Amino acid sequence: METPKFIGAYDSQYFEIDDWFAESIRHIPNSHRENVLKDVLSSIEYLPYVNGWSQIVGGVVRGEEPLFYSVEYLKEEEEAVLFLDIEEITSDEYLDLILDNNTIEYHARTSTRGV
């Protein structure tokens, strides 16, 4: 894997963004991009850990024209979260993630701190 394109911190949580994520975020409509990034970065703290495996979590930007998306990330203990990819998904795909209890909202709601 190449070196991440960006390393930063959000609310004292460190993260890295892979080149592919940086390229893929450009495909998210401008009208939703800022909200998507806020959701993703604010979720760092309560996304589950699975050492050695990437995971996918779903999100939604609500509004007149909602945007459903999934984020692939790698979160290991004692490491910064690495965001690998992001893509727009259908409402059916998002509903599947809801049924699997695998959305940003679900993880925020069930964490000790919440959103």
C-alpha atoms as a PDB file:
ATOM      1  CA  MET A   1       0.000   0.000   0.000  1.00  0.00           C
ATOM      2  CA  GLU A   2       1.236   3.467  -0.823  1.00  0.00           C
ATOM      3  CA  THR A   3       1.796   6.167   1.761  1.00  0.00           C
ATOM      4  CA  PRO A   4      -1.467   7.928   2.706  1.00  0.00           C
ATOM      5  CA  LYS A   5      -2.164  11.204   0.936  1.00  0.00           C
ATOM      6  CA  PHE A   6      -3.197  13.075   4.075  1.00  0.00           C
ATOM      7  CA  ILE A   7      -2.687  12.681   7.798  1.00  0.00           C
ATOM      8  CA  GLY A   8      -4.667  14.835  10.193  1.00  0.00           C
ATOM      9  CA  ALA A   9      -6.638  15.153  13.393  1.00  0.00           C
ATOM     10  CA  TYR A  10     -10.293  15.853  14.035  1.00  0.00           C
ATOM     11  CA  ASP A  11     -11.511  16.489  17.564  1.00  0.00           C
ATOM     12  CA  SER A  12      -8.219  15.023  18.898  1.00  0.00           C
ATOM     13  CA  GLN A  13      -8.712  11.797  16.886  1.00  0.00           C
ATOM     14  CA  TYR A  14      -5.995  11.022  14.343  1.00  0.00           C
ATOM     15  CA  PHE A  15      -6.798   9.716  10.890  1.00  0.00           C
ATOM     16  CA  GLU A  16      -5.183   9.029   7.547  1.00  0.00           C
ATOM     17  CA  ILE A  17      -6.727   9.311   4.100  1.00  0.00           C
ATOM     18  CA  ASP A  18      -5.609   7.001   1.335  1.00  0.00           C
ATOM     19  CA  ASP A  19      -5.153   8.330  -2.203  1.00  0.00           C
ATOM     20  CA  TRP A  20      -8.120   6.266  -3.391  1.00  0.00           C
ATOM     21  CA  PHE A  21     -10.425   7.855  -0.774  1.00  0.00           C
ATOM     22  CA  ALA A  22      -9.235  11.328  -1.786  1.00  0.00           C
ATOM     23  CA  GLU A  23      -9.982  10.513  -5.430  1.00  0.00           C
ATOM     24  CA  SER A  24     -13.362   8.893  -4.662  1.00  0.00           C
ATOM     25  CA  ILE A  25     -14.650  11.791  -2.530  1.00  0.00           C
ATOM     26  CA  ARG A  26     -14.563  13.904  -5.693  1.00  0.00           C
ATOM     27  CA  HIS A  27     -17.459  11.803  -7.034  1.00  0.00           C
ATOM     28  CA  ILE A  28     -19.683  12.858  -4.133  1.00  0.00           C
ATOM     29  CA  PRO A  29     -21.817  15.842  -5.216  1.00  0.00           C
ATOM     30  CA  ASN A  30     -20.455  19.184  -3.995  1.00  0.00           C
ATOM     31  CA  SER A  31     -23.739  19.929  -2.241  1.00  0.00           C
ATOM     32  CA  HIS A  32     -23.200  16.931   0.074  1.00  0.00           C
ATOM     33  CA  ARG A  33     -19.421  16.604   0.301  1.00  0.00           C
ATOM     34  CA  GLU A  34     -18.921  18.796   3.403  1.00  0.00           C
ATOM     35  CA  ASN A  35     -21.666  16.983   5.348  1.00  0.00           C
ATOM     36  CA  VAL A  36     -20.281  13.586   4.350  1.00  0.00           C
ATOM     37  CA  LEU A  37     -16.795  14.552   5.526  1.00  0.00           C
ATOM     38  CA  LYS A  38     -18.165  15.889   8.837  1.00  0.00           C
ATOM     39  CA  ASP A  39     -20.067  12.641   9.413  1.00  0.00           C
ATOM     40  CA  VAL A  40     -17.099  10.460   8.531  1.00  0.00           C
ATOM     41  CA  LEU A  41     -14.557  12.390  10.587  1.00  0.00           C
ATOM     42  CA  SER A  42     -16.843  12.686  13.605  1.00  0.00           C
ATOM     43  CA  SER A  43     -17.334   8.901  13.531  1.00  0.00           C
ATOM     44  CA  ILE A  44     -13.641   8.084  14.062  1.00  0.00           C
ATOM     45  CA  GLU A  45     -13.917   7.555  17.784  1.00  0.00           C
ATOM     46  CA  TYR A  46     -16.807   5.093  17.786  1.00  0.00           C
ATOM     47  CA  LEU A  47     -16.154   3.000  14.681  1.00  0.00           C
ATOM     48  CA  PRO A  48     -15.440  -0.603  15.711  1.00  0.00           C
ATOM     49  CA  TYR A  49     -11.939  -2.075  15.764  1.00  0.00           C
ATOM     50  CA  VAL A  50     -11.054  -5.171  13.748  1.00  0.00           C
ATOM     51  CA  ASN A  51      -7.302  -5.627  13.631  1.00  0.00           C
ATOM     52  CA  GLY A  52      -5.959  -6.584  10.211  1.00  0.00           C
ATOM     53  CA  TRP A  53      -9.219  -6.213   8.254  1.00  0.00           C
ATOM     54  CA  SER A  54     -10.849  -3.331   6.463  1.00  0.00           C
ATOM     55  CA  GLN A  55     -14.506  -2.676   7.218  1.00  0.00           C
ATOM     56  CA  ILE A  56     -17.398  -0.895   5.559  1.00  0.00           C
ATOM     57  CA  VAL A  57     -19.893   1.378   7.292  1.00  0.00           C
ATOM     58  CA  GLY A  58     -22.855   3.236   5.812  1.00  0.00           C
ATOM     59  CA  GLY A  59     -23.953   6.818   6.137  1.00  0.00           C
ATOM     60  CA  VAL A  60     -26.647   9.153   4.914  1.00  0.00           C
ATOM     61  CA  VAL A  61     -26.960  12.882   4.369  1.00  0.00           C
ATOM     62  CA  ARG A  62     -30.616  13.676   4.877  1.00  0.00           C
ATOM     63  CA  GLY A  63     -32.432  16.331   2.914  1.00  0.00           C
ATOM     64  CA  GLU A  64     -34.665  16.905  -0.052  1.00  0.00           C
ATOM     65  CA  GLU A  65     -32.330  14.695  -2.085  1.00  0.00           C
ATOM     66  CA  PRO A  66     -30.709  12.307   0.427  1.00  0.00           C
ATOM     67  CA  LEU A  67     -27.298  10.851  -0.308  1.00  0.00           C
ATOM     68  CA  PHE A  68     -26.483   7.325   0.831  1.00  0.00           C
ATOM     69  CA  TYR A  69     -22.832   6.324   0.984  1.00  0.00           C
ATOM     70  CA  SER A  70     -20.455   3.693   2.288  1.00  0.00           C
ATOM     71  CA  VAL A  71     -16.962   4.179   3.674  1.00  0.00           C
ATOM     72  CA  GLU A  72     -14.246   1.544   3.720  1.00  0.00           C
ATOM     73  CA  TYR A  73     -11.779   1.993   6.550  1.00  0.00           C
ATOM     74  CA  LEU A  74      -9.118   0.203   8.576  1.00  0.00           C
ATOM     75  CA  LYS A  75      -9.162   0.725  12.326  1.00  0.00           C
ATOM     76  CA  GLU A  76      -6.684  -1.094  14.508  1.00  0.00           C
ATOM     77  CA  GLU A  77      -5.867  -0.636  18.159  1.00  0.00           C
ATOM     78  CA  GLU A  78      -3.185   1.972  18.846  1.00  0.00           C
ATOM     79  CA  GLU A  79      -3.270   3.150  15.202  1.00  0.00           C
ATOM     80  CA  ALA A  80      -4.862   6.080  13.390  1.00  0.00           C
ATOM     81  CA  VAL A  81      -7.979   5.226  11.387  1.00  0.00           C
ATOM     82  CA  LEU A  82      -7.162   4.844   7.702  1.00  0.00           C
ATOM     83  CA  PHE A  83     -10.005   5.799   5.350  1.00  0.00           C
ATOM     84  CA  LEU A  84      -9.602   3.727   2.192  1.00  0.00           C
ATOM     85  CA  ASP A  85     -12.615   4.410  -0.020  1.00  0.00           C
ATOM     86  CA  ILE A  86     -15.986   6.128  -0.154  1.00  0.00           C
ATOM     87  CA  GLU A  87     -18.793   5.630  -2.630  1.00  0.00           C
ATOM     88  CA  GLU A  88     -22.387   6.561  -3.205  1.00  0.00           C
ATOM     89  CA  ILE A  89     -24.760   3.617  -2.668  1.00  0.00           C
ATOM     90  CA  THR A  90     -28.444   2.972  -3.236  1.00  0.00           C
ATOM     91  CA  SER A  91     -31.098   3.284  -0.550  1.00  0.00           C
ATOM     92  CA  ASP A  92     -31.503  -0.524  -0.683  1.00  0.00           C
ATOM     93  CA  GLU A  93     -27.799  -1.010   0.050  1.00  0.00           C
ATOM     94  CA  TYR A  94     -28.075   1.452   2.928  1.00  0.00           C
ATOM     95  CA  LEU A  95     -31.099  -0.423   4.305  1.00  0.00           C
ATOM     96  CA  ASP A  96     -29.015  -3.623   4.258  1.00  0.00           C
ATOM     97  CA  LEU A  97     -26.376  -1.839   6.355  1.00  0.00           C
ATOM     98  CA  ILE A  98     -29.095  -0.694   8.778  1.00  0.00           C
ATOM     99  CA  LEU A  99     -30.289  -4.297   9.139  1.00  0.00           C
ATOM    100  CA  ASP A 100     -26.685  -5.359   9.812  1.00  0.00           C
ATOM    101  CA  ASN A 101     -26.341  -2.620  12.487  1.00  0.00           C
ATOM    102  CA  ASN A 102     -23.497  -1.178  10.490  1.00  0.00           C
ATOM    103  CA  THR A 103     -24.144   2.527  10.000  1.00  0.00           C
ATOM    104  CA  ILE A 104     -22.438   5.599  11.389  1.00  0.00           C
ATOM    105  CA  GLU A 105     -25.661   6.484  13.233  1.00  0.00           C
ATOM    106  CA  TYR A 106     -25.897   3.022  14.809  1.00  0.00           C
ATOM    107  CA  HIS A 107     -22.304   3.080  16.057  1.00  0.00           C
ATOM    108  CA  ALA A 108     -22.757   6.618  17.405  1.00  0.00           C
ATOM    109  CA  ARG A 109     -25.953   5.691  19.197  1.00  0.00           C
ATOM    110  CA  THR A 110     -24.511   2.563  20.799  1.00  0.00           C
ATOM    111  CA  SER A 111     -21.171   4.072  21.807  1.00  0.00           C
ATOM    112  CA  THR A 112     -20.649   5.416  25.286  1.00  0.00           C
ATOM    113  CA  ARG A 113     -20.185   8.995  24.054  1.00  0.00           C
ATOM    114  CA  GLY A 114     -22.745   9.169  21.230  1.00  0.00           C
ATOM    115  CA  VAL A 115     -22.556  11.856  18.571  1.00  0.00           C
END
